[in-house]
């Protein structure tokens, strides 16, 4: 996320996690990082 408020970034990231587009890595707090959640091959 770039050029947006922390609140907006947090809401957008939470939405993407809820939709299973992003997956949060194990680190938390200021070390939070996310990965794209790839669909399983059919």
Protein backbone atom coordinates (compact mmCIF):
# COMPACT_ATOMS: atom_id res chain seq x y z
CA UNK A 1 0.00 0.00 0.00
CA UNK A 2 1.38 3.40 -0.89
CA UNK A 3 0.24 6.99 -0.48
CA UNK A 4 -2.69 6.25 1.81
CA UNK A 5 -3.34 6.60 5.52
CA UNK A 6 -2.49 3.78 7.93
CA UNK A 7 -6.20 3.38 8.66
CA UNK A 8 -7.04 2.96 4.98
CA UNK A 9 -4.18 0.50 4.45
CA UNK A 10 -5.26 -1.51 7.50
CA UNK A 11 -8.88 -1.71 6.33
CA UNK A 12 -7.85 -2.68 2.79
CA UNK A 13 -5.43 -5.35 4.00
CA UNK A 14 -8.01 -6.76 6.43
CA UNK A 15 -10.51 -6.95 3.56
CA UNK A 16 -8.03 -8.83 1.34
CA UNK A 17 -7.23 -11.26 4.18
CA UNK A 18 -10.96 -11.85 4.79
CA UNK A 19 -11.43 -12.60 1.08
CA UNK A 20 -8.47 -15.07 1.22
CA UNK A 21 -6.49 -13.03 -1.31
CA UNK A 22 -3.70 -12.30 1.18
CA UNK A 23 -2.35 -14.48 3.96
CA UNK A 24 -0.58 -12.95 6.96
CA UNK A 25 2.84 -14.38 7.80
CA UNK A 26 3.60 -15.45 11.37
CA UNK A 27 5.35 -12.23 12.47
CA UNK A 28 3.07 -9.57 13.90
CA UNK A 29 3.10 -5.97 15.02
CA UNK A 30 5.47 -3.71 13.09
CA UNK A 31 6.99 -6.80 11.46
CA UNK A 32 3.71 -7.85 9.81
CA UNK A 33 4.04 -9.14 6.29
CA UNK A 34 1.61 -10.74 3.87
CA UNK A 35 1.74 -13.16 0.95
CA UNK A 36 -0.60 -13.65 -1.96
CA UNK A 37 -2.80 -16.68 -1.46
CA UNK A 38 -2.61 -18.64 -4.71
CA UNK A 39 -5.57 -20.86 -5.65
CA UNK A 40 -5.03 -24.61 -5.70
CA UNK A 41 -4.52 -26.01 -9.21
CA UNK A 42 -7.54 -27.78 -10.64
